[in-house]
C-alpha atoms as a PDB file:
ATOM      1  CA  MET A   1     -51.472  39.334   2.749  1.00  0.00           C
ATOM      2  CA  LEU A   2     -51.736  35.553   3.207  1.00  0.00           C
ATOM      3  CA  THR A   3     -51.365  35.128  -0.520  1.00  0.00           C
ATOM      4  CA  SER A   4     -47.909  36.692  -0.697  1.00  0.00           C
ATOM      5  CA  GLU A   5     -44.977  34.595  -1.914  1.00  0.00           C
ATOM      6  CA  ALA A   6     -42.998  35.559   1.194  1.00  0.00           C
ATOM      7  CA  THR A   7     -45.699  34.141   3.460  1.00  0.00           C
ATOM      8  CA  THR A   8     -45.894  30.922   1.459  1.00  0.00           C
ATOM      9  CA  SER A   9     -42.113  30.543   1.597  1.00  0.00           C
ATOM     10  CA  ALA A  10     -42.123  31.077   5.365  1.00  0.00           C
ATOM     11  CA  LEU A  11     -44.775  28.404   5.818  1.00  0.00           C
ATOM     12  CA  LEU A  12     -42.820  25.952   3.693  1.00  0.00           C
ATOM     13  CA  THR A  13     -39.709  26.613   5.765  1.00  0.00           C
ATOM     14  CA  ALA A  14     -41.660  25.994   8.960  1.00  0.00           C
ATOM     15  CA  ALA A  15     -43.085  22.761   7.610  1.00  0.00           C
ATOM     16  CA  TYR A  16     -39.637  21.376   6.735  1.00  0.00           C
ATOM     17  CA  ALA A  17     -37.928  22.662   9.874  1.00  0.00           C
ATOM     18  CA  THR A  18     -40.420  21.244  12.378  1.00  0.00           C
ATOM     19  CA  PRO A  19     -42.096  18.197  10.801  1.00  0.00           C
ATOM     20  CA  THR A  20     -43.436  16.987  14.162  1.00  0.00           C
ATOM     21  CA  GLU A  21     -45.429  20.189  14.721  1.00  0.00           C
ATOM     22  CA  ARG A  22     -48.800  20.261  13.033  1.00  0.00           C
ATOM     23  CA  LEU A  23     -49.633  23.186  10.803  1.00  0.00           C
ATOM     24  CA  SER A  24     -53.075  24.717  11.083  1.00  0.00           C
ATOM     25  CA  ALA A  25     -55.518  24.003   8.261  1.00  0.00           C
ATOM     26  CA  ALA A  26     -54.999  27.535   6.901  1.00  0.00           C
ATOM     27  CA  ASP A  27     -51.196  27.260   7.028  1.00  0.00           C
ATOM     28  CA  ALA A  28     -51.252  23.782   5.469  1.00  0.00           C
ATOM     29  CA  ALA A  29     -53.461  25.059   2.633  1.00  0.00           C
ATOM     30  CA  MET A  30     -50.952  27.820   1.938  1.00  0.00           C
ATOM     31  CA  ALA A  31     -47.919  25.534   2.222  1.00  0.00           C
ATOM     32  CA  ARG A  32     -49.078  22.489   0.258  1.00  0.00           C
ATOM     33  CA  HIS A  33     -47.597  21.936  -3.182  1.00  0.00           C
ATOM     34  CA  SER A  34     -46.679  18.883  -5.203  1.00  0.00           C
ATOM     35  CA  VAL A  35     -43.213  17.423  -4.692  1.00  0.00           C
ATOM     36  CA  ARG A  36     -41.790  14.765  -7.026  1.00  0.00           C
ATOM     37  CA  SER A  37     -38.417  13.993  -5.415  1.00  0.00           C
ATOM     38  CA  TYR A  38     -38.294  12.258  -2.039  1.00  0.00           C
ATOM     39  CA  LEU A  39     -35.808  11.481   0.707  1.00  0.00           C
ATOM     40  CA  ASP A  40     -35.276   7.859   1.695  1.00  0.00           C
ATOM     41  CA  VAL A  41     -36.928   8.392   5.086  1.00  0.00           C
ATOM     42  CA  PRO A  42     -39.512   5.785   6.151  1.00  0.00           C
ATOM     43  CA  ILE A  43     -43.004   6.614   7.353  1.00  0.00           C
ATOM     44  CA  THR A  44     -44.121   4.651  10.396  1.00  0.00           C
ATOM     45  CA  ASP A  45     -47.305   2.644  10.805  1.00  0.00           C
ATOM     46  CA  ASP A  46     -48.459   5.094  13.468  1.00  0.00           C
ATOM     47  CA  GLU A  47     -47.942   8.052  11.115  1.00  0.00           C
ATOM     48  CA  ILE A  48     -49.920   6.329   8.351  1.00  0.00           C
ATOM     49  CA  HIS A  49     -52.680   5.397  10.800  1.00  0.00           C
ATOM     50  CA  THR A  50     -52.983   8.987  12.030  1.00  0.00           C
ATOM     51  CA  LEU A  51     -53.021  10.358   8.496  1.00  0.00           C
ATOM     52  CA  LEU A  52     -55.760   8.014   7.294  1.00  0.00           C
ATOM     53  CA  GLU A  53     -57.798   8.324  10.471  1.00  0.00           C
ATOM     54  CA  LEU A  54     -57.882  12.105  10.025  1.00  0.00           C
ATOM     55  CA  THR A  55     -58.577  11.728   6.304  1.00  0.00           C
ATOM     56  CA  GLY A  56     -61.543   9.546   7.181  1.00  0.00           C
ATOM     57  CA  ARG A  57     -63.137  12.508   8.947  1.00  0.00           C
ATOM     58  CA  ALA A  58     -64.064  13.867   5.511  1.00  0.00           C
ATOM     59  CA  PRO A  59     -67.796  14.346   4.934  1.00  0.00           C
ATOM     60  CA  SER A  60     -69.786  12.298   2.448  1.00  0.00           C
ATOM     61  CA  ALA A  61     -73.415  12.284   1.329  1.00  0.00           C
ATOM     62  CA  PHE A  62     -75.488  10.003   3.568  1.00  0.00           C
ATOM     63  CA  ASN A  63     -72.195   9.421   5.427  1.00  0.00           C
ATOM     64  CA  LEU A  64     -71.516   6.445   3.135  1.00  0.00           C
ATOM     65  CA  GLN A  65     -67.716   6.960   3.080  1.00  0.00           C
ATOM     66  CA  PRO A  66     -67.111   4.937  -0.114  1.00  0.00           C
ATOM     67  CA  TRP A  67     -63.371   5.714  -0.236  1.00  0.00           C
ATOM     68  CA  ARG A  68     -60.792   2.946   0.173  1.00  0.00           C
ATOM     69  CA  PHE A  69     -56.989   3.061   0.467  1.00  0.00           C
ATOM     70  CA  VAL A  70     -54.117   0.732  -0.373  1.00  0.00           C
ATOM     71  CA  VAL A  71     -50.849   1.734   1.327  1.00  0.00           C
ATOM     72  CA  VAL A  72     -47.847   0.567  -0.686  1.00  0.00           C
ATOM     73  CA  ARG A  73     -44.323   0.389   0.737  1.00  0.00           C
ATOM     74  CA  ASP A  74     -42.905  -2.642  -1.073  1.00  0.00           C
ATOM     75  CA  GLN A  75     -40.375  -1.472  -3.654  1.00  0.00           C
ATOM     76  CA  GLU A  76     -41.227  -4.131  -6.238  1.00  0.00           C
ATOM     77  CA  VAL A  77     -44.894  -3.180  -6.064  1.00  0.00           C
ATOM     78  CA  LYS A  78     -44.027   0.518  -6.321  1.00  0.00           C
ATOM     79  CA  ASN A  79     -41.880  -0.244  -9.376  1.00  0.00           C
ATOM     80  CA  ALA A  80     -44.839  -2.021 -10.998  1.00  0.00           C
ATOM     81  CA  LEU A  81     -47.079   0.946 -10.168  1.00  0.00           C
ATOM     82  CA  LYS A  82     -44.460   3.265 -11.662  1.00  0.00           C
ATOM     83  CA  ASP A  83     -44.698   1.364 -14.946  1.00  0.00           C
ATOM     84  CA  ALA A  84     -48.497   1.673 -14.811  1.00  0.00           C
ATOM     85  CA  ALA A  85     -48.059   5.417 -14.174  1.00  0.00           C
ATOM     86  CA  TYR A  86     -46.055   6.046 -17.337  1.00  0.00           C
ATOM     87  CA  GLY A  87     -42.733   6.057 -15.485  1.00  0.00           C
ATOM     88  CA  GLN A  88     -43.460   8.921 -13.076  1.00  0.00           C
ATOM     89  CA  LYS A  89     -40.407   8.861 -10.826  1.00  0.00           C
ATOM     90  CA  GLN A  90     -42.193   9.808  -7.619  1.00  0.00           C
ATOM     91  CA  VAL A  91     -44.095   6.508  -7.655  1.00  0.00           C
ATOM     92  CA  GLY A  92     -40.888   4.526  -7.336  1.00  0.00           C
ATOM     93  CA  GLU A  93     -39.037   7.046  -5.183  1.00  0.00           C
ATOM     94  CA  ALA A  94     -41.499   8.025  -2.443  1.00  0.00           C
ATOM     95  CA  PRO A  95     -41.390   5.830   0.678  1.00  0.00           C
ATOM     96  CA  VAL A  96     -45.169   5.364   0.477  1.00  0.00           C
ATOM     97  CA  VAL A  97     -47.664   5.393  -2.363  1.00  0.00           C
ATOM     98  CA  ILE A  98     -51.338   5.486  -1.443  1.00  0.00           C
ATOM     99  CA  ALA A  99     -53.738   4.176  -4.066  1.00  0.00           C
ATOM    100  CA  MET A 100     -57.169   5.603  -3.419  1.00  0.00           C
ATOM    101  CA  TYR A 101     -60.390   4.305  -4.918  1.00  0.00           C
ATOM    102  CA  SER A 102     -64.148   4.318  -4.497  1.00  0.00           C
ATOM    103  CA  ASP A 103     -66.057   1.057  -4.082  1.00  0.00           C
ATOM    104  CA  MET A 104     -69.813   1.535  -4.250  1.00  0.00           C
ATOM    105  CA  ASP A 105     -70.457  -2.197  -4.672  1.00  0.00           C
ATOM    106  CA  ASP A 106     -68.890  -2.842  -1.274  1.00  0.00           C
ATOM    107  CA  THR A 107     -70.720   0.161   0.169  1.00  0.00           C
ATOM    108  CA  MET A 108     -74.149  -0.962  -1.003  1.00  0.00           C
ATOM    109  CA  ALA A 109     -73.527  -4.567   0.053  1.00  0.00           C
ATOM    110  CA  ASN A 110     -72.735  -3.494   3.610  1.00  0.00           C
ATOM    111  CA  LEU A 111     -75.248  -0.768   4.390  1.00  0.00           C
ATOM    112  CA  GLY A 112     -76.061  -2.446   7.678  1.00  0.00           C
ATOM    113  CA  ASP A 113     -72.513  -1.786   8.842  1.00  0.00           C
ATOM    114  CA  ILE A 114     -72.334   1.696   7.331  1.00  0.00           C
ATOM    115  CA  VAL A 115     -75.459   3.520   8.526  1.00  0.00           C
ATOM    116  CA  HIS A 116     -75.138   5.336  11.824  1.00  0.00           C
ATOM    117  CA  PRO A 117     -75.037   2.886  14.778  1.00  0.00           C
ATOM    118  CA  ASP A 118     -77.088   5.170  17.025  1.00  0.00           C
ATOM    119  CA  LEU A 119     -80.242   4.907  14.898  1.00  0.00           C
ATOM    120  CA  THR A 120     -83.195   3.052  16.328  1.00  0.00           C
ATOM    121  CA  PRO A 121     -83.975  -0.303  14.649  1.00  0.00           C
ATOM    122  CA  ASP A 122     -86.930   1.222  12.781  1.00  0.00           C
ATOM    123  CA  LYS A 123     -84.903   4.211  11.623  1.00  0.00           C
ATOM    124  CA  ARG A 124     -82.017   1.954  10.545  1.00  0.00           C
ATOM    125  CA  ALA A 125     -84.372  -0.160   8.477  1.00  0.00           C
ATOM    126  CA  SER A 126     -86.012   2.848   6.827  1.00  0.00           C
ATOM    127  CA  THR A 127     -82.647   4.479   6.124  1.00  0.00           C
ATOM    128  CA  ILE A 128     -81.297   1.346   4.464  1.00  0.00           C
ATOM    129  CA  ALA A 129     -84.478   0.991   2.401  1.00  0.00           C
ATOM    130  CA  MET A 130     -84.214   4.638   1.313  1.00  0.00           C
ATOM    131  CA  LEU A 131     -80.597   4.232   0.239  1.00  0.00           C
ATOM    132  CA  GLU A 132     -81.300   1.037  -1.683  1.00  0.00           C
ATOM    133  CA  LYS A 133     -84.183   2.735  -3.474  1.00  0.00           C
ATOM    134  CA  ASN A 134     -82.200   5.912  -4.250  1.00  0.00           C
ATOM    135  CA  PHE A 135     -79.235   4.093  -5.747  1.00  0.00           C
ATOM    136  CA  SER A 136     -80.982   1.147  -7.428  1.00  0.00           C
ATOM    137  CA  GLY A 137     -82.132   3.371 -10.274  1.00  0.00           C
ATOM    138  CA  MET A 138     -78.590   4.464 -11.166  1.00  0.00           C
ATOM    139  CA  THR A 139     -76.613   2.925 -13.982  1.00  0.00           C
ATOM    140  CA  PRO A 140     -73.295   1.353 -12.902  1.00  0.00           C
ATOM    141  CA  GLU A 141     -71.478   4.279 -14.521  1.00  0.00           C
ATOM    142  CA  ALA A 142     -73.559   6.874 -12.664  1.00  0.00           C
ATOM    143  CA  LEU A 143     -73.126   5.024  -9.380  1.00  0.00           C
ATOM    144  CA  ALA A 144     -69.361   4.850  -9.880  1.00  0.00           C
ATOM    145  CA  ALA A 145     -69.186   8.568 -10.709  1.00  0.00           C
ATOM    146  CA  TRP A 146     -71.261   9.435  -7.624  1.00  0.00           C
ATOM    147  CA  GLY A 147     -68.999   7.431  -5.333  1.00  0.00           C
ATOM    148  CA  ASN A 148     -65.867   8.870  -6.861  1.00  0.00           C
ATOM    149  CA  GLY A 149     -67.196  12.374  -6.277  1.00  0.00           C
ATOM    150  CA  GLN A 150     -67.399  11.556  -2.580  1.00  0.00           C
ATOM    151  CA  ALA A 151     -63.926  10.007  -2.598  1.00  0.00           C
ATOM    152  CA  ASN A 152     -62.479  13.191  -4.071  1.00  0.00           C
ATOM    153  CA  ILE A 153     -63.591  15.051  -0.945  1.00  0.00           C
ATOM    154  CA  ALA A 154     -61.463  12.644   1.101  1.00  0.00           C
ATOM    155  CA  LEU A 155     -58.591  13.085  -1.356  1.00  0.00           C
ATOM    156  CA  GLY A 156     -58.567  16.801  -0.569  1.00  0.00           C
ATOM    157  CA  TYR A 157     -58.490  15.982   3.141  1.00  0.00           C
ATOM    158  CA  LEU A 158     -55.616  13.546   2.611  1.00  0.00           C
ATOM    159  CA  LEU A 159     -53.465  16.119   0.817  1.00  0.00           C
ATOM    160  CA  LEU A 160     -54.157  18.888   3.314  1.00  0.00           C
ATOM    161  CA  ILE A 161     -53.669  16.715   6.385  1.00  0.00           C
ATOM    162  CA  ALA A 162     -50.438  15.249   4.993  1.00  0.00           C
ATOM    163  CA  THR A 163     -49.013  18.767   4.795  1.00  0.00           C
ATOM    164  CA  SER A 164     -50.304  19.547   8.277  1.00  0.00           C
ATOM    165  CA  GLU A 165     -48.501  16.439   9.566  1.00  0.00           C
ATOM    166  CA  GLY A 166     -45.200  17.465   7.930  1.00  0.00           C
ATOM    167  CA  PHE A 167     -45.283  15.342   4.773  1.00  0.00           C
ATOM    168  CA  ASP A 168     -45.056  16.166   1.087  1.00  0.00           C
ATOM    169  CA  THR A 169     -47.336  14.692  -1.557  1.00  0.00           C
ATOM    170  CA  SER A 170     -47.824  14.344  -5.273  1.00  0.00           C
ATOM    171  CA  PRO A 171     -51.356  13.362  -6.324  1.00  0.00           C
ATOM    172  CA  MET A 172     -51.601  11.638  -9.706  1.00  0.00           C
ATOM    173  CA  LEU A 173     -54.325  10.787 -12.183  1.00  0.00           C
ATOM    174  CA  GLY A 174     -51.858   9.886 -14.922  1.00  0.00           C
ATOM    175  CA  PHE A 175     -51.895   6.095 -14.705  1.00  0.00           C
ATOM    176  CA  GLN A 176     -53.614   3.096 -16.253  1.00  0.00           C
ATOM    177  CA  PRO A 177     -56.446   2.228 -13.839  1.00  0.00           C
ATOM    178  CA  ASP A 178     -56.898  -1.387 -14.906  1.00  0.00           C
ATOM    179  CA  GLN A 179     -53.204  -2.102 -14.444  1.00  0.00           C
ATOM    180  CA  VAL A 180     -53.196  -0.503 -10.996  1.00  0.00           C
ATOM    181  CA  LYS A 181     -56.241  -2.536  -9.993  1.00  0.00           C
ATOM    182  CA  ALA A 182     -54.579  -5.746 -11.134  1.00  0.00           C
ATOM    183  CA  ILE A 183     -51.319  -4.976  -9.315  1.00  0.00           C
ATOM    184  CA  LEU A 184     -53.076  -4.132  -6.040  1.00  0.00           C
ATOM    185  CA  ASP A 185     -55.952  -6.645  -6.280  1.00  0.00           C
ATOM    186  CA  ILE A 186     -58.538  -3.858  -6.291  1.00  0.00           C
ATOM    187  CA  PRO A 187     -62.030  -4.945  -7.437  1.00  0.00           C
ATOM    188  CA  ALA A 188     -62.576  -4.446 -11.153  1.00  0.00           C
ATOM    189  CA  SER A 189     -65.856  -2.608 -10.461  1.00  0.00           C
ATOM    190  CA  ALA A 190     -64.132  -0.020  -8.239  1.00  0.00           C
ATOM    191  CA  THR A 191     -63.229   3.448  -9.507  1.00  0.00           C
ATOM    192  CA  MET A 192     -59.664   4.673  -9.114  1.00  0.00           C
ATOM    193  CA  THR A 193     -59.631   8.149  -7.558  1.00  0.00           C
ATOM    194  CA  ALA A 194     -55.894   8.887  -7.481  1.00  0.00           C
ATOM    195  CA  MET A 195     -52.476   7.654  -6.538  1.00  0.00           C
ATOM    196  CA  VAL A 196     -50.611   9.798  -4.027  1.00  0.00           C
ATOM    197  CA  ALA A 197     -46.852   9.731  -3.492  1.00  0.00           C
ATOM    198  CA  LEU A 198     -46.147  10.486   0.166  1.00  0.00           C
ATOM    199  CA  GLY A 199     -42.936  11.269   2.033  1.00  0.00           C
ATOM    200  CA  ARG A 200     -40.497  14.009   2.884  1.00  0.00           C
ATOM    201  CA  GLY A 201     -39.372  16.005  -0.092  1.00  0.00           C
ATOM    202  CA  ALA A 202     -35.785  16.019  -1.318  1.00  0.00           C
ATOM    203  CA  ASP A 203     -36.324  19.456  -2.860  1.00  0.00           C
ATOM    204  CA  ASP A 204     -38.842  22.288  -2.689  1.00  0.00           C
ATOM    205  CA  GLY A 205     -40.396  21.618  -6.091  1.00  0.00           C
ATOM    206  CA  PHE A 206     -42.086  24.503  -7.890  1.00  0.00           C
ATOM    207  CA  ARG A 207     -43.485  27.384  -5.880  1.00  0.00           C
ATOM    208  CA  SER A 208     -47.242  27.311  -5.512  1.00  0.00           C
ATOM    209  CA  HIS A 209     -49.157  29.294  -8.152  1.00  0.00           C
ATOM    210  CA  ARG A 210     -52.888  29.859  -7.790  1.00  0.00           C
ATOM    211  CA  HIS A 211     -55.454  32.064  -9.499  1.00  0.00           C
ATOM    212  CA  ALA A 212     -56.642  35.197  -7.742  1.00  0.00           C
ATOM    213  CA  ILE A 213     -60.075  35.155  -6.156  1.00  0.00           C
ATOM    214  CA  GLU A 214     -61.196  37.721  -8.739  1.00  0.00           C
ATOM    215  CA  ARG A 215     -60.594  35.158 -11.487  1.00  0.00           C
ATOM    216  CA  THR A 216     -62.459  32.268  -9.881  1.00  0.00           C
ATOM    217  CA  THR A 217     -65.286  33.841  -7.887  1.00  0.00           C
ATOM    218  CA  SER A 218     -68.360  35.962  -8.453  1.00  0.00           C
ATOM    219  CA  PHE A 219     -70.611  37.498  -5.817  1.00  0.00           C
ATOM    220  CA  ARG A 220     -74.342  37.956  -6.309  1.00  0.00           C
END
């Protein structure tokens, strides 16, 4: 069975042994788990670019893609983020921390750049008008929640693809959003989705534990 502990252990071993070989989506889903201790091994610009390019393939309603990323390598900045994250050691220890947020103000202000480029001029105009009408009736809080829901889809992609590419991650919601925004110069109106520690784990962390399908699913 794919859900066996032996299979999960084998996938983890493969991921650590051959970090340059991509795992399949199914194998990455089985292997991924949070790691909070990291080796002092840098991640290259090319590796970050590949990871975020693949993450950006995530779907979003109307294809608006409201997610944004700040890639943090500077140790002083990571230390400040660690303080904002209640001292979680992985924030200061991982070679990279990715702060992820949703920015619907930027999205709505740039619809002309965001709608599909292959649309005819008339279709582009009608699509932009439809989007402006649909979202103009939302409160700022509802708009922020909608955008963050889309960004969470990309967060799932980021975590899965990181494992596929041979990296370990620790996603975090335990931080003070306003402090993180101030440290990273993120717009005050944006919504923080998560911070993700990224690197190569110094230990295996806890084994993955997930509910059985029978507990989470019903069939009608």
